[in-house]
Structures are given as C-alpha cells and as structure tokens.
C-alpha cells in the first residue's frame, strides 16, 4: 500500500509503475481465463 499526498506527484508515478510491474509479472488471472473460455465454448 502506498500513501501519496497531493504534493507527491513523482511518488505517485513511481508507485503506479511498481504496481504495474508486479501485475505484469503475476500475469492474467487463471480463474477469469477459465470463465472466458467456458463462455465462448
């Protein structure tokens, strides 16, 4: 969890970048992928 005040724009950008990197490393949610494939079948 990050705390960024309105005066900490650079800190906000860094926290968003860090979070996006983590999400990309984790990859897609396998449960959601399964649900999507069931709907299209």
PDB file of N, CA and C in Angstrom:
ATOM      1  N   UNK A   1       0.845  -1.152   0.000  1.00  0.00           N
ATOM      2  CA  UNK A   1       0.000   0.000   0.000  1.00  0.00           C
ATOM      3  C   UNK A   1       0.903   1.231   0.000  1.00  0.00           C
ATOM      4  N   UNK A   2       0.493   2.214  -0.752  1.00  0.00           N
ATOM      5  CA  UNK A   2       1.263   3.445  -0.860  1.00  0.00           C
ATOM      6  C   UNK A   2       0.430   4.614  -0.349  1.00  0.00           C
ATOM      7  N   UNK A   3       1.103   5.582   0.243  1.00  0.00           N
ATOM      8  CA  UNK A   3       0.454   6.833   0.623  1.00  0.00           C
ATOM      9  C   UNK A   3       1.126   7.938  -0.168  1.00  0.00           C
ATOM     10  N   UNK A   4       0.337   8.699  -0.897  1.00  0.00           N
ATOM     11  CA  UNK A   4       0.859   9.822  -1.662  1.00  0.00           C
ATOM     12  C   UNK A   4      -0.043  11.024  -1.437  1.00  0.00           C
ATOM     13  N   UNK A   5       0.539  12.112  -0.980  1.00  0.00           N
ATOM     14  CA  UNK A   5      -0.247  13.334  -0.817  1.00  0.00           C
ATOM     15  C   UNK A   5      -0.336  14.042  -2.167  1.00  0.00           C
ATOM     16  N   UNK A   6      -1.112  15.100  -2.222  1.00  0.00           N
ATOM     17  CA  UNK A   6      -1.293  15.825  -3.479  1.00  0.00           C
ATOM     18  C   UNK A   6      -0.003  16.494  -3.952  1.00  0.00           C
ATOM     19  N   UNK A   7       0.959  16.660  -3.074  1.00  0.00           N
ATOM     20  CA  UNK A   7       2.226  17.291  -3.436  1.00  0.00           C
ATOM     21  C   UNK A   7       3.283  16.284  -3.876  1.00  0.00           C
ATOM     22  N   UNK A   8       2.949  15.011  -3.915  1.00  0.00           N
ATOM     23  CA  UNK A   8       3.939  13.970  -4.212  1.00  0.00           C
ATOM     24  C   UNK A   8       3.649  13.270  -5.537  1.00  0.00           C
ATOM     25  N   UNK A   9       3.609  14.056  -6.600  1.00  0.00           N
ATOM     26  CA  UNK A   9       3.319  13.501  -7.919  1.00  0.00           C
ATOM     27  C   UNK A   9       4.319  12.452  -8.365  1.00  0.00           C
ATOM     28  N   UNK A  10       5.598  12.712  -8.143  1.00  0.00           N
ATOM     29  CA  UNK A  10       6.632  11.755  -8.550  1.00  0.00           C
ATOM     30  C   UNK A  10       6.494  10.439  -7.789  1.00  0.00           C
ATOM     31  N   UNK A  11       6.158  10.537  -6.520  1.00  0.00           N
ATOM     32  CA  UNK A  11       5.970   9.332  -5.707  1.00  0.00           C
ATOM     33  C   UNK A  11       4.772   8.530  -6.225  1.00  0.00           C
ATOM     34  N   UNK A  12       3.715   9.227  -6.635  1.00  0.00           N
ATOM     35  CA  UNK A  12       2.540   8.556  -7.192  1.00  0.00           C
ATOM     36  C   UNK A  12       2.902   7.810  -8.471  1.00  0.00           C
ATOM     37  N   UNK A  13       3.638   8.468  -9.344  1.00  0.00           N
ATOM     38  CA  UNK A  13       4.055   7.835 -10.599  1.00  0.00           C
ATOM     39  C   UNK A  13       4.879   6.583 -10.310  1.00  0.00           C
ATOM     40  N   UNK A  14       5.810   6.673  -9.381  1.00  0.00           N
ATOM     41  CA  UNK A  14       6.657   5.522  -9.028  1.00  0.00           C
ATOM     42  C   UNK A  14       5.820   4.382  -8.462  1.00  0.00           C
ATOM     43  N   UNK A  15       4.838   4.705  -7.617  1.00  0.00           N
ATOM     44  CA  UNK A  15       4.008   3.652  -7.031  1.00  0.00           C
ATOM     45  C   UNK A  15       3.152   2.970  -8.096  1.00  0.00           C
ATOM     46  N   UNK A  16       2.654   3.736  -9.063  1.00  0.00           N
ATOM     47  CA  UNK A  16       1.864   3.145 -10.149  1.00  0.00           C
ATOM     48  C   UNK A  16       2.753   2.259 -11.012  1.00  0.00           C
ATOM     49  N   UNK A  17       3.948   2.725 -11.332  1.00  0.00           N
ATOM     50  CA  UNK A  17       4.877   1.917 -12.128  1.00  0.00           C
ATOM     51  C   UNK A  17       5.230   0.617 -11.413  1.00  0.00           C
ATOM     52  N   UNK A  18       5.515   0.692 -10.116  1.00  0.00           N
ATOM     53  CA  UNK A  18       5.831  -0.513  -9.338  1.00  0.00           C
ATOM     54  C   UNK A  18       4.666  -1.499  -9.354  1.00  0.00           C
ATOM     55  N   UNK A  19       3.470  -0.982  -9.162  1.00  0.00           N
ATOM     56  CA  UNK A  19       2.284  -1.840  -9.145  1.00  0.00           C
ATOM     57  C   UNK A  19       2.073  -2.492 -10.506  1.00  0.00           C
ATOM     58  N   UNK A  20       2.241  -1.739 -11.580  1.00  0.00           N
ATOM     59  CA  UNK A  20       2.068  -2.299 -12.921  1.00  0.00           C
ATOM     60  C   UNK A  20       3.100  -3.394 -13.202  1.00  0.00           C
ATOM     61  N   UNK A  21       4.331  -3.202 -12.751  1.00  0.00           N
ATOM     62  CA  UNK A  21       5.353  -4.237 -12.923  1.00  0.00           C
ATOM     63  C   UNK A  21       4.954  -5.525 -12.208  1.00  0.00           C
ATOM     64  N   UNK A  22       4.447  -5.392 -10.993  1.00  0.00           N
ATOM     65  CA  UNK A  22       4.010  -6.568 -10.231  1.00  0.00           C
ATOM     66  C   UNK A  22       2.870  -7.284 -10.944  1.00  0.00           C
ATOM     67  N   UNK A  23       1.927  -6.533 -11.462  1.00  0.00           N
ATOM     68  CA  UNK A  23       0.784  -7.127 -12.165  1.00  0.00           C
ATOM     69  C   UNK A  23       1.254  -7.860 -13.415  1.00  0.00           C
ATOM     70  N   UNK A  24       2.172  -7.261 -14.163  1.00  0.00           N
ATOM     71  CA  UNK A  24       2.695  -7.908 -15.371  1.00  0.00           C
ATOM     72  C   UNK A  24       3.434  -9.198 -15.031  1.00  0.00           C
ATOM     73  N   UNK A  25       4.196  -9.203 -13.920  1.00  0.00           N
ATOM     74  CA  UNK A  25       4.917 -10.411 -13.506  1.00  0.00           C
ATOM     75  C   UNK A  25       3.967 -11.526 -13.111  1.00  0.00           C
ATOM     76  N   UNK A  26       2.894 -11.163 -12.417  1.00  0.00           N
ATOM     77  CA  UNK A  26       1.923 -12.161 -11.963  1.00  0.00           C
ATOM     78  C   UNK A  26       1.197 -12.776 -13.151  1.00  0.00           C
ATOM     79  N   UNK A  27       0.843 -11.955 -14.129  1.00  0.00           N
ATOM     80  CA  UNK A  27       0.150 -12.436 -15.314  1.00  0.00           C
ATOM     81  C   UNK A  27      -1.355 -12.449 -15.121  1.00  0.00           C
ATOM     82  N   UNK A  28      -2.067 -12.944 -16.128  1.00  0.00           N
ATOM     83  CA  UNK A  28      -3.527 -12.942 -16.076  1.00  0.00           C
ATOM     84  C   UNK A  28      -4.073 -13.875 -14.997  1.00  0.00           C
ATOM     85  N   UNK A  29      -5.251 -13.568 -14.547  1.00  0.00           N
ATOM     86  CA  UNK A  29      -5.940 -14.370 -13.540  1.00  0.00           C
ATOM     87  C   UNK A  29      -6.407 -15.670 -14.196  1.00  0.00           C
ATOM     88  N   UNK A  30      -5.907 -16.829 -13.779  1.00  0.00           N
ATOM     89  CA  UNK A  30      -6.293 -18.091 -14.420  1.00  0.00           C
ATOM     90  C   UNK A  30      -7.777 -18.416 -14.240  1.00  0.00           C
ATOM     91  N   UNK A  31      -8.379 -17.979 -13.166  1.00  0.00           N
ATOM     92  CA  UNK A  31      -9.805 -18.240 -12.949  1.00  0.00           C
ATOM     93  C   UNK A  31     -10.630 -17.476 -13.975  1.00  0.00           C
ATOM     94  N   UNK A  32     -10.275 -16.234 -14.223  1.00  0.00           N
ATOM     95  CA  UNK A  32     -11.015 -15.437 -15.205  1.00  0.00           C
ATOM     96  C   UNK A  32     -10.817 -16.002 -16.609  1.00  0.00           C
ATOM     97  N   UNK A  33      -9.624 -16.462 -16.921  1.00  0.00           N
ATOM     98  CA  UNK A  33      -9.367 -17.048 -18.234  1.00  0.00           C
ATOM     99  C   UNK A  33     -10.236 -18.282 -18.436  1.00  0.00           C
ATOM    100  N   UNK A  34     -10.409 -19.072 -17.387  1.00  0.00           N
ATOM    101  CA  UNK A  34     -11.249 -20.264 -17.457  1.00  0.00           C
ATOM    102  C   UNK A  34     -12.703 -19.871 -17.701  1.00  0.00           C
ATOM    103  N   UNK A  35     -13.185 -18.848 -17.024  1.00  0.00           N
ATOM    104  CA  UNK A  35     -14.566 -18.397 -17.199  1.00  0.00           C
ATOM    105  C   UNK A  35     -14.802 -17.896 -18.616  1.00  0.00           C
ATOM    106  N   UNK A  36     -13.847 -17.158 -19.162  1.00  0.00           N
ATOM    107  CA  UNK A  36     -13.981 -16.635 -20.517  1.00  0.00           C
ATOM    108  C   UNK A  36     -14.018 -17.781 -21.514  1.00  0.00           C
ATOM    109  N   UNK A  37     -13.162 -18.790 -21.336  1.00  0.00           N
ATOM    110  CA  UNK A  37     -13.139 -19.914 -22.271  1.00  0.00           C
ATOM    111  C   UNK A  37     -14.426 -20.726 -22.185  1.00  0.00           C
ATOM    112  N   UNK A  38     -15.042 -20.798 -21.016  1.00  0.00           N
ATOM    113  CA  UNK A  38     -16.306 -21.514 -20.869  1.00  0.00           C
ATOM    114  C   UNK A  38     -17.430 -20.775 -21.576  1.00  0.00           C
ATOM    115  N   UNK A  39     -17.414 -19.454 -21.551  1.00  0.00           N
ATOM    116  CA  UNK A  39     -18.457 -18.661 -22.199  1.00  0.00           C
ATOM    117  C   UNK A  39     -18.373 -18.763 -23.710  1.00  0.00           C
ATOM    118  N   UNK A  40     -17.168 -18.872 -24.254  1.00  0.00           N
ATOM    119  CA  UNK A  40     -17.001 -18.922 -25.701  1.00  0.00           C
ATOM    120  C   UNK A  40     -17.171 -20.327 -26.252  1.00  0.00           C
ATOM    121  N   UNK A  41     -17.231 -21.323 -25.409  1.00  0.00           N
ATOM    122  CA  UNK A  41     -17.368 -22.719 -25.863  1.00  0.00           C
ATOM    123  C   UNK A  41     -18.808 -23.071 -26.113  1.00  0.00           C
TER     124      UNK A  41
END
